[in-house]
Every structure is written in structure tokens, then in C-alpha cells.
Amino acid sequence: MGLRFSGDKKSPAERFTRFRETLGDKFMGVEIDSSPAKSMGLQEVGPLGADRDYSDEATSPTRLALEGVMDFFTSRLGIAPKDTSSKD
């Protein structure tokens, strides 16, 4: 699994193309459009930082990407995600 901002010069789209050619459907590439990311105050072209650039807003491209990563690992590991809604 790979994540990148669409405008990131250090992680060009061709890299994901190569991964897809080499790994087929074993590779899951998540590309976050830099335009909305920029409007949310996130980096436009730099590397995707899961901590520095993360926004917890429901429609944030970084939150959606994180949810995709969690779904990916949950399905691959065969475990149910922990319910974090209770305050226990």
C-alpha cells in the first residue's frame, strides 16, 4: 500500500504505475488530490506525513486516506477494528 499527494515530486505518479505493473492488484495506491489538500492548509507537493499533515475533519483527504489504511490492515489481518466511541 502506498499513499502520496498528487503533486508530490518526490513520489511521482510513475512510481505508483510501476508498482501496479509489478504487483498487480496486490498493490493499493492512494493518491490524495493536492488541490483540496492545499485548500485545507496541508502540503501541496511535499511528502505525505501522517502526523504533520493529518486533519481529523470528516471530509479531509488525509482522514479518508487513514481510514483506507486502517480498513486495509483490518481486512489483511482479519481483525475487527476497536470501538473507540465509548469513554471507558
PDB file of N, CA and C in Angstrom:
ATOM      1  N   MET A   1       0.849  -1.170   0.000  1.00  0.00           N
ATOM      2  CA  MET A   1       0.000   0.000   0.000  1.00  0.00           C
ATOM      3  C   MET A   1       0.894   1.231   0.000  1.00  0.00           C
ATOM      4  N   GLY A   2       0.530   2.198  -0.819  1.00  0.00           N
ATOM      5  CA  GLY A   2       1.274   3.440  -0.882  1.00  0.00           C
ATOM      6  C   GLY A   2       0.325   4.621  -0.863  1.00  0.00           C
ATOM      7  N   LEU A   3       0.759   5.710  -0.250  1.00  0.00           N
ATOM      8  CA  LEU A   3      -0.012   6.945  -0.204  1.00  0.00           C
ATOM      9  C   LEU A   3       0.862   8.083  -0.699  1.00  0.00           C
ATOM     10  N   ARG A   4       0.254   8.995  -1.450  1.00  0.00           N
ATOM     11  CA  ARG A   4       1.007  10.153  -1.931  1.00  0.00           C
ATOM     12  C   ARG A   4       0.050  11.290  -2.263  1.00  0.00           C
ATOM     13  N   PHE A   5       0.551  12.529  -2.146  1.00  0.00           N
ATOM     14  CA  PHE A   5      -0.172  13.671  -2.686  1.00  0.00           C
ATOM     15  C   PHE A   5       0.071  13.693  -4.190  1.00  0.00           C
ATOM     16  N   SER A   6      -0.934  14.068  -4.953  1.00  0.00           N
ATOM     17  CA  SER A   6      -0.825  14.039  -6.416  1.00  0.00           C
ATOM     18  C   SER A   6       0.289  14.935  -6.944  1.00  0.00           C
ATOM     19  N   GLY A   7       0.610  16.008  -6.246  1.00  0.00           N
ATOM     20  CA  GLY A   7       1.646  16.925  -6.717  1.00  0.00           C
ATOM     21  C   GLY A   7       3.019  16.672  -6.142  1.00  0.00           C
ATOM     22  N   ASP A   8       3.204  15.566  -5.439  1.00  0.00           N
ATOM     23  CA  ASP A   8       4.483  15.286  -4.775  1.00  0.00           C
ATOM     24  C   ASP A   8       5.536  14.861  -5.792  1.00  0.00           C
ATOM     25  N   LYS A   9       6.542  15.710  -5.971  1.00  0.00           N
ATOM     26  CA  LYS A   9       7.608  15.432  -6.942  1.00  0.00           C
ATOM     27  C   LYS A   9       8.539  14.317  -6.463  1.00  0.00           C
ATOM     28  N   LYS A  10       8.630  14.109  -5.133  1.00  0.00           N
ATOM     29  CA  LYS A  10       9.499  13.062  -4.607  1.00  0.00           C
ATOM     30  C   LYS A  10       8.861  11.682  -4.698  1.00  0.00           C
ATOM     31  N   SER A  11       7.574  11.638  -4.933  1.00  0.00           N
ATOM     32  CA  SER A  11       6.863  10.377  -5.125  1.00  0.00           C
ATOM     33  C   SER A  11       6.006  10.508  -6.385  1.00  0.00           C
ATOM     34  N   PRO A  12       6.637  10.446  -7.551  1.00  0.00           N
ATOM     35  CA  PRO A  12       5.911  10.693  -8.798  1.00  0.00           C
ATOM     36  C   PRO A  12       4.875   9.611  -9.109  1.00  0.00           C
ATOM     37  N   ALA A  13       3.875   9.999  -9.866  1.00  0.00           N
ATOM     38  CA  ALA A  13       2.806   9.071 -10.260  1.00  0.00           C
ATOM     39  C   ALA A  13       3.378   7.850 -10.972  1.00  0.00           C
ATOM     40  N   GLU A  14       4.480   8.022 -11.690  1.00  0.00           N
ATOM     41  CA  GLU A  14       5.093   6.903 -12.413  1.00  0.00           C
ATOM     42  C   GLU A  14       5.529   5.786 -11.460  1.00  0.00           C
ATOM     43  N   ARG A  15       5.878   6.152 -10.240  1.00  0.00           N
ATOM     44  CA  ARG A  15       6.268   5.142  -9.250  1.00  0.00           C
ATOM     45  C   ARG A  15       5.080   4.233  -8.943  1.00  0.00           C
ATOM     46  N   PHE A  16       3.903   4.829  -8.761  1.00  0.00           N
ATOM     47  CA  PHE A  16       2.715   4.025  -8.493  1.00  0.00           C
ATOM     48  C   PHE A  16       2.353   3.183  -9.715  1.00  0.00           C
ATOM     49  N   THR A  17       2.551   3.751 -10.905  1.00  0.00           N
ATOM     50  CA  THR A  17       2.306   2.982 -12.134  1.00  0.00           C
ATOM     51  C   THR A  17       3.187   1.745 -12.159  1.00  0.00           C
ATOM     52  N   ARG A  18       4.443   1.921 -11.818  1.00  0.00           N
ATOM     53  CA  ARG A  18       5.389   0.792 -11.801  1.00  0.00           C
ATOM     54  C   ARG A  18       4.986  -0.254 -10.759  1.00  0.00           C
ATOM     55  N   PHE A  19       4.570   0.200  -9.574  1.00  0.00           N
ATOM     56  CA  PHE A  19       4.109  -0.735  -8.541  1.00  0.00           C
ATOM     57  C   PHE A  19       2.913  -1.538  -9.039  1.00  0.00           C
ATOM     58  N   ARG A  20       1.977  -0.844  -9.710  1.00  0.00           N
ATOM     59  CA  ARG A  20       0.785  -1.535 -10.218  1.00  0.00           C
ATOM     60  C   ARG A  20       1.162  -2.544 -11.303  1.00  0.00           C
ATOM     61  N   GLU A  21       2.098  -2.177 -12.166  1.00  0.00           N
ATOM     62  CA  GLU A  21       2.551  -3.095 -13.212  1.00  0.00           C
ATOM     63  C   GLU A  21       3.242  -4.317 -12.609  1.00  0.00           C
ATOM     64  N   THR A  22       4.035  -4.089 -11.582  1.00  0.00           N
ATOM     65  CA  THR A  22       4.811  -5.155 -10.963  1.00  0.00           C
ATOM     66  C   THR A  22       3.979  -6.022 -10.026  1.00  0.00           C
ATOM     67  N   LEU A  23       3.143  -5.385  -9.207  1.00  0.00           N
ATOM     68  CA  LEU A  23       2.424  -6.106  -8.167  1.00  0.00           C
ATOM     69  C   LEU A  23       0.965  -6.408  -8.494  1.00  0.00           C
ATOM     70  N   GLY A  24       0.443  -5.782  -9.549  1.00  0.00           N
ATOM     71  CA  GLY A  24      -0.962  -6.009  -9.914  1.00  0.00           C
ATOM     72  C   GLY A  24      -1.898  -5.575  -8.809  1.00  0.00           C
ATOM     73  N   ASP A  25      -2.940  -6.395  -8.546  1.00  0.00           N
ATOM     74  CA  ASP A  25      -3.897  -5.988  -7.525  1.00  0.00           C
ATOM     75  C   ASP A  25      -3.400  -6.225  -6.110  1.00  0.00           C
ATOM     76  N   LYS A  26      -2.152  -6.621  -5.965  1.00  0.00           N
ATOM     77  CA  LYS A  26      -1.557  -6.723  -4.627  1.00  0.00           C
ATOM     78  C   LYS A  26      -1.096  -5.347  -4.131  1.00  0.00           C
ATOM     79  N   PHE A  27      -1.057  -4.372  -5.037  1.00  0.00           N
ATOM     80  CA  PHE A  27      -0.678  -3.012  -4.656  1.00  0.00           C
ATOM     81  C   PHE A  27      -1.917  -2.136  -4.589  1.00  0.00           C
ATOM     82  N   MET A  28      -2.070  -1.425  -3.473  1.00  0.00           N
ATOM     83  CA  MET A  28      -3.156  -0.466  -3.337  1.00  0.00           C
ATOM     84  C   MET A  28      -2.533   0.917  -3.222  1.00  0.00           C
ATOM     85  N   GLY A  29      -2.741   1.737  -4.225  1.00  0.00           N
ATOM     86  CA  GLY A  29      -2.208   3.091  -4.230  1.00  0.00           C
ATOM     87  C   GLY A  29      -3.289   4.097  -3.911  1.00  0.00           C
ATOM     88  N   VAL A  30      -3.030   4.954  -2.940  1.00  0.00           N
ATOM     89  CA  VAL A  30      -3.963   6.009  -2.554  1.00  0.00           C
ATOM     90  C   VAL A  30      -3.314   7.336  -2.895  1.00  0.00           C
ATOM     91  N   GLU A  31      -3.908   8.040  -3.837  1.00  0.00           N
ATOM     92  CA  GLU A  31      -3.377   9.334  -4.253  1.00  0.00           C
ATOM     93  C   GLU A  31      -4.342  10.426  -3.816  1.00  0.00           C
ATOM     94  N   ILE A  32      -3.841  11.329  -2.968  1.00  0.00           N
ATOM     95  CA  ILE A  32      -4.658  12.427  -2.459  1.00  0.00           C
ATOM     96  C   ILE A  32      -4.456  13.630  -3.359  1.00  0.00           C
ATOM     97  N   ASP A  33      -5.555  14.106  -3.914  1.00  0.00           N
ATOM     98  CA  ASP A  33      -5.511  15.277  -4.799  1.00  0.00           C
ATOM     99  C   ASP A  33      -4.959  16.473  -4.026  1.00  0.00           C
ATOM    100  N   SER A  34      -3.910  17.067  -4.535  1.00  0.00           N
ATOM    101  CA  SER A  34      -3.251  18.187  -3.855  1.00  0.00           C
ATOM    102  C   SER A  34      -4.119  19.439  -3.787  1.00  0.00           C
ATOM    103  N   SER A  35      -5.043  19.607  -4.709  1.00  0.00           N
ATOM    104  CA  SER A  35      -5.849  20.831  -4.721  1.00  0.00           C
ATOM    105  C   SER A  35      -6.680  20.994  -3.456  1.00  0.00           C
ATOM    106  N   PRO A  36      -7.543  20.015  -3.099  1.00  0.00           N
ATOM    107  CA  PRO A  36      -8.292  20.168  -1.845  1.00  0.00           C
ATOM    108  C   PRO A  36      -7.374  20.154  -0.632  1.00  0.00           C
ATOM    109  N   ALA A  37      -6.303  19.384  -0.683  1.00  0.00           N
ATOM    110  CA  ALA A  37      -5.368  19.336   0.443  1.00  0.00           C
ATOM    111  C   ALA A  37      -4.796  20.727   0.688  1.00  0.00           C
ATOM    112  N   LYS A  38      -4.439  21.414  -0.378  1.00  0.00           N
ATOM    113  CA  LYS A  38      -3.879  22.762  -0.242  1.00  0.00           C
ATOM    114  C   LYS A  38      -4.910  23.703   0.379  1.00  0.00           C
ATOM    115  N   SER A  39      -6.164  23.598  -0.037  1.00  0.00           N
ATOM    116  CA  SER A  39      -7.197  24.486   0.492  1.00  0.00           C
ATOM    117  C   SER A  39      -7.453  24.229   1.978  1.00  0.00           C
ATOM    118  N   MET A  40      -7.062  23.047   2.466  1.00  0.00           N
ATOM    119  CA  MET A  40      -7.232  22.728   3.884  1.00  0.00           C
ATOM    120  C   MET A  40      -5.978  23.078   4.679  1.00  0.00           C
ATOM    121  N   GLY A  41      -4.996  23.692   4.026  1.00  0.00           N
ATOM    122  CA  GLY A  41      -3.781  24.086   4.715  1.00  0.00           C
ATOM    123  C   GLY A  41      -2.741  22.991   4.797  1.00  0.00           C
ATOM    124  N   LEU A  42      -2.928  21.918   4.032  1.00  0.00           N
ATOM    125  CA  LEU A  42      -1.970  20.827   4.018  1.00  0.00           C
ATOM    126  C   LEU A  42      -0.947  21.063   2.924  1.00  0.00           C
ATOM    127  N   GLN A  43       0.131  20.313   2.969  1.00  0.00           N
ATOM    128  CA  GLN A  43       1.161  20.470   1.951  1.00  0.00           C
ATOM    129  C   GLN A  43       0.585  20.212   0.563  1.00  0.00           C
ATOM    130  N   GLU A  44       1.039  20.972  -0.383  1.00  0.00           N
ATOM    131  CA  GLU A  44       0.574  20.811  -1.759  1.00  0.00           C
ATOM    132  C   GLU A  44       1.427  19.799  -2.512  1.00  0.00           C
ATOM    133  N   VAL A  45       2.710  19.795  -2.273  1.00  0.00           N
ATOM    134  CA  VAL A  45       3.583  18.957  -3.091  1.00  0.00           C
ATOM    135  C   VAL A  45       4.552  18.093  -2.301  1.00  0.00           C
ATOM    136  N   GLY A  46       4.644  18.283  -1.017  1.00  0.00           N
ATOM    137  CA  GLY A  46       5.619  17.529  -0.232  1.00  0.00           C
ATOM    138  C   GLY A  46       5.172  16.117   0.056  1.00  0.00           C
ATOM    139  N   PRO A  47       6.030  15.371   0.737  1.00  0.00           N
ATOM    140  CA  PRO A  47       5.662  14.005   1.085  1.00  0.00           C
ATOM    141  C   PRO A  47       4.516  13.996   2.091  1.00  0.00           C
ATOM    142  N   LEU A  48       3.698  12.980   2.000  1.00  0.00           N
ATOM    143  CA  LEU A  48       2.546  12.863   2.887  1.00  0.00           C
ATOM    144  C   LEU A  48       3.016  12.443   4.266  1.00  0.00           C
ATOM    145  N   GLY A  49       2.840  13.315   5.224  1.00  0.00           N
ATOM    146  CA  GLY A  49       3.192  12.998   6.608  1.00  0.00           C
ATOM    147  C   GLY A  49       1.937  12.667   7.380  1.00  0.00           C
ATOM    148  N   ALA A  50       1.841  11.457   7.900  1.00  0.00           N
ATOM    149  CA  ALA A  50       0.633  11.038   8.596  1.00  0.00           C
ATOM    150  C   ALA A  50       0.412  11.817   9.881  1.00  0.00           C
ATOM    151  N   ASP A  51       1.450  12.390  10.440  1.00  0.00           N
ATOM    152  CA  ASP A  51       1.271  13.157  11.670  1.00  0.00           C
ATOM    153  C   ASP A  51       1.168  14.649  11.398  1.00  0.00           C
ATOM    154  N   ARG A  52       2.122  15.193  10.700  1.00  0.00           N
ATOM    155  CA  ARG A  52       2.206  16.642  10.476  1.00  0.00           C
ATOM    156  C   ARG A  52       1.058  17.160   9.612  1.00  0.00           C
ATOM    157  N   ASP A  53       0.645  16.411   8.621  1.00  0.00           N
ATOM    158  CA  ASP A  53      -0.340  16.892   7.657  1.00  0.00           C
ATOM    159  C   ASP A  53      -1.747  16.362   7.900  1.00  0.00           C
ATOM    160  N   TYR A  54      -1.942  15.630   8.984  1.00  0.00           N
ATOM    161  CA  TYR A  54      -3.233  14.988   9.225  1.00  0.00           C
ATOM    162  C   TYR A  54      -4.283  15.985   9.700  1.00  0.00           C
ATOM    163  N   SER A  55      -5.485  15.862   9.132  1.00  0.00           N
ATOM    164  CA  SER A  55      -6.636  16.631   9.581  1.00  0.00           C
ATOM    165  C   SER A  55      -7.747  15.629   9.903  1.00  0.00           C
ATOM    166  N   ASP A  56      -8.387  15.782  11.057  1.00  0.00           N
ATOM    167  CA  ASP A  56      -9.415  14.846  11.505  1.00  0.00           C
ATOM    168  C   ASP A  56     -10.820  15.217  11.024  1.00  0.00           C
ATOM    169  N   GLU A  57     -10.935  16.246  10.186  1.00  0.00           N
ATOM    170  CA  GLU A  57     -12.251  16.607   9.648  1.00  0.00           C
ATOM    171  C   GLU A  57     -12.787  15.441   8.831  1.00  0.00           C
ATOM    172  N   ALA A  58     -14.096  15.197   8.929  1.00  0.00           N
ATOM    173  CA  ALA A  58     -14.713  14.027   8.302  1.00  0.00           C
ATOM    174  C   ALA A  58     -14.439  13.925   6.805  1.00  0.00           C
ATOM    175  N   THR A  59     -14.350  15.044   6.118  1.00  0.00           N
ATOM    176  CA  THR A  59     -14.132  15.013   4.665  1.00  0.00           C
ATOM    177  C   THR A  59     -12.682  15.268   4.269  1.00  0.00           C
ATOM    178  N   SER A  60     -11.805  15.355   5.254  1.00  0.00           N
ATOM    179  CA  SER A  60     -10.398  15.614   4.969  1.00  0.00           C
ATOM    180  C   SER A  60      -9.794  14.480   4.143  1.00  0.00           C
ATOM    181  N   PRO A  61      -9.033  14.806   3.106  1.00  0.00           N
ATOM    182  CA  PRO A  61      -8.409  13.745   2.308  1.00  0.00           C
ATOM    183  C   PRO A  61      -7.441  12.896   3.123  1.00  0.00           C
ATOM    184  N   THR A  62      -6.806  13.493   4.142  1.00  0.00           N
ATOM    185  CA  THR A  62      -5.879  12.699   4.950  1.00  0.00           C
ATOM    186  C   THR A  62      -6.641  11.758   5.886  1.00  0.00           C
ATOM    187  N   ARG A  63      -7.778  12.192   6.416  1.00  0.00           N
ATOM    188  CA  ARG A  63      -8.583  11.294   7.255  1.00  0.00           C
ATOM    189  C   ARG A  63      -9.124  10.143   6.414  1.00  0.00           C
ATOM    190  N   LEU A  64      -9.611  10.438   5.231  1.00  0.00           N
ATOM    191  CA  LEU A  64     -10.127   9.386   4.355  1.00  0.00           C
ATOM    192  C   LEU A  64      -9.018   8.397   3.992  1.00  0.00           C
ATOM    193  N   ALA A  65      -7.818   8.920   3.774  1.00  0.00           N
ATOM    194  CA  ALA A  65      -6.689   8.035   3.478  1.00  0.00           C
ATOM    195  C   ALA A  65      -6.362   7.153   4.682  1.00  0.00           C
ATOM    196  N   LEU A  66      -6.365   7.740   5.882  1.00  0.00           N
ATOM    197  CA  LEU A  66      -6.101   6.957   7.090  1.00  0.00           C
ATOM    198  C   LEU A  66      -7.152   5.865   7.266  1.00  0.00           C
ATOM    199  N   GLU A  67      -8.412   6.204   7.040  1.00  0.00           N
ATOM    200  CA  GLU A  67      -9.472   5.201   7.148  1.00  0.00           C
ATOM    201  C   GLU A  67      -9.242   4.072   6.140  1.00  0.00           C
ATOM    202  N   GLY A  68      -8.771   4.413   4.946  1.00  0.00           N
ATOM    203  CA  GLY A  68      -8.451   3.396   3.950  1.00  0.00           C
ATOM    204  C   GLY A  68      -7.313   2.490   4.400  1.00  0.00           C
ATOM    205  N   VAL A  69      -6.285   3.089   5.019  1.00  0.00           N
ATOM    206  CA  VAL A  69      -5.162   2.309   5.540  1.00  0.00           C
ATOM    207  C   VAL A  69      -5.650   1.363   6.639  1.00  0.00           C
ATOM    208  N   MET A  70      -6.466   1.889   7.546  1.00  0.00           N
ATOM    209  CA  MET A  70      -6.975   1.050   8.636  1.00  0.00           C
ATOM    210  C   MET A  70      -7.841  -0.080   8.103  1.00  0.00           C
ATOM    211  N   ASP A  71      -8.696   0.199   7.122  1.00  0.00           N
ATOM    212  CA  ASP A  71      -9.515  -0.847   6.503  1.00  0.00           C
ATOM    213  C   ASP A  71      -8.636  -1.907   5.847  1.00  0.00           C
ATOM    214  N   PHE A  72      -7.579  -1.449   5.176  1.00  0.00           N
ATOM    215  CA  PHE A  72      -6.647  -2.352   4.509  1.00  0.00           C
ATOM    216  C   PHE A  72      -6.014  -3.307   5.517  1.00  0.00           C
ATOM    217  N   PHE A  73      -5.461  -2.765   6.597  1.00  0.00           N
ATOM    218  CA  PHE A  73      -4.808  -3.615   7.595  1.00  0.00           C
ATOM    219  C   PHE A  73      -5.814  -4.498   8.325  1.00  0.00           C
ATOM    220  N   THR A  74      -6.985  -3.956   8.628  1.00  0.00           N
ATOM    221  CA  THR A  74      -8.006  -4.746   9.306  1.00  0.00           C
ATOM    222  C   THR A  74      -8.399  -5.958   8.460  1.00  0.00           C
ATOM    223  N   SER A  75      -8.612  -5.731   7.165  1.00  0.00           N
ATOM    224  CA  SER A  75      -9.004  -6.843   6.304  1.00  0.00           C
ATOM    225  C   SER A  75      -7.858  -7.835   6.098  1.00  0.00           C
ATOM    226  N   ARG A  76      -6.630  -7.345   6.000  1.00  0.00           N
ATOM    227  CA  ARG A  76      -5.480  -8.229   5.794  1.00  0.00           C
ATOM    228  C   ARG A  76      -5.148  -9.041   7.034  1.00  0.00           C
ATOM    229  N   LEU A  77      -5.366  -8.446   8.210  1.00  0.00           N
ATOM    230  CA  LEU A  77      -5.040  -9.134   9.451  1.00  0.00           C
ATOM    231  C   LEU A  77      -6.216  -9.945   9.999  1.00  0.00           C
ATOM    232  N   GLY A  78      -7.405  -9.714   9.410  1.00  0.00           N
ATOM    233  CA  GLY A  78      -8.587 -10.460   9.826  1.00  0.00           C
ATOM    234  C   GLY A  78      -9.063 -10.126  11.227  1.00  0.00           C
ATOM    235  N   ILE A  79      -8.942  -8.864  11.603  1.00  0.00           N
ATOM    236  CA  ILE A  79      -9.397  -8.446  12.924  1.00  0.00           C
ATOM    237  C   ILE A  79     -10.431  -7.344  12.787  1.00  0.00           C
ATOM    238  N   ALA A  80     -11.279  -7.223  13.778  1.00  0.00           N
ATOM    239  CA  ALA A  80     -12.280  -6.152  13.787  1.00  0.00           C
ATOM    240  C   ALA A  80     -11.668  -4.918  14.427  1.00  0.00           C
ATOM    241  N   PRO A  81     -11.960  -3.745  13.891  1.00  0.00           N
ATOM    242  CA  PRO A  81     -11.423  -2.521  14.499  1.00  0.00           C
ATOM    243  C   PRO A  81     -12.013  -2.328  15.898  1.00  0.00           C
ATOM    244  N   LYS A  82     -11.226  -1.752  16.791  1.00  0.00           N
ATOM    245  CA  LYS A  82     -11.658  -1.477  18.150  1.00  0.00           C
ATOM    246  C   LYS A  82     -12.663  -0.345  18.142  1.00  0.00           C
ATOM    247  N   ASP A  83     -13.725  -0.501  18.899  1.00  0.00           N
ATOM    248  CA  ASP A  83     -14.738   0.556  19.036  1.00  0.00           C
ATOM    249  C   ASP A  83     -14.190   1.616  19.982  1.00  0.00           C
ATOM    250  N   THR A  84     -13.934   2.803  19.453  1.00  0.00           N
ATOM    251  CA  THR A  84     -13.381   3.898  20.268  1.00  0.00           C
ATOM    252  C   THR A  84     -14.436   4.897  20.673  1.00  0.00           C
ATOM    253  N   SER A  85     -15.718   4.568  20.440  1.00  0.00           N
ATOM    254  CA  SER A  85     -16.759   5.541  20.741  1.00  0.00           C
ATOM    255  C   SER A  85     -17.097   5.616  22.224  1.00  0.00           C
ATOM    256  N   SER A  86     -16.803   4.561  23.008  1.00  0.00           N
ATOM    257  CA  SER A  86     -17.109   4.618  24.432  1.00  0.00           C
ATOM    258  C   SER A  86     -15.988   5.303  25.200  1.00  0.00           C
ATOM    259  N   LYS A  87     -16.306   5.891  26.290  1.00  0.00           N
ATOM    260  CA  LYS A  87     -15.334   6.644  27.094  1.00  0.00           C
ATOM    261  C   LYS A  87     -14.789   5.803  28.257  1.00  0.00           C
ATOM    262  N   ASP A  88     -14.958   4.484  28.237  1.00  0.00           N
ATOM    263  CA  ASP A  88     -14.495   3.619  29.335  1.00  0.00           C
ATOM    264  C   ASP A  88     -13.019   3.616  29.482  1.00  0.00           C
TER     265      ASP A  88
END
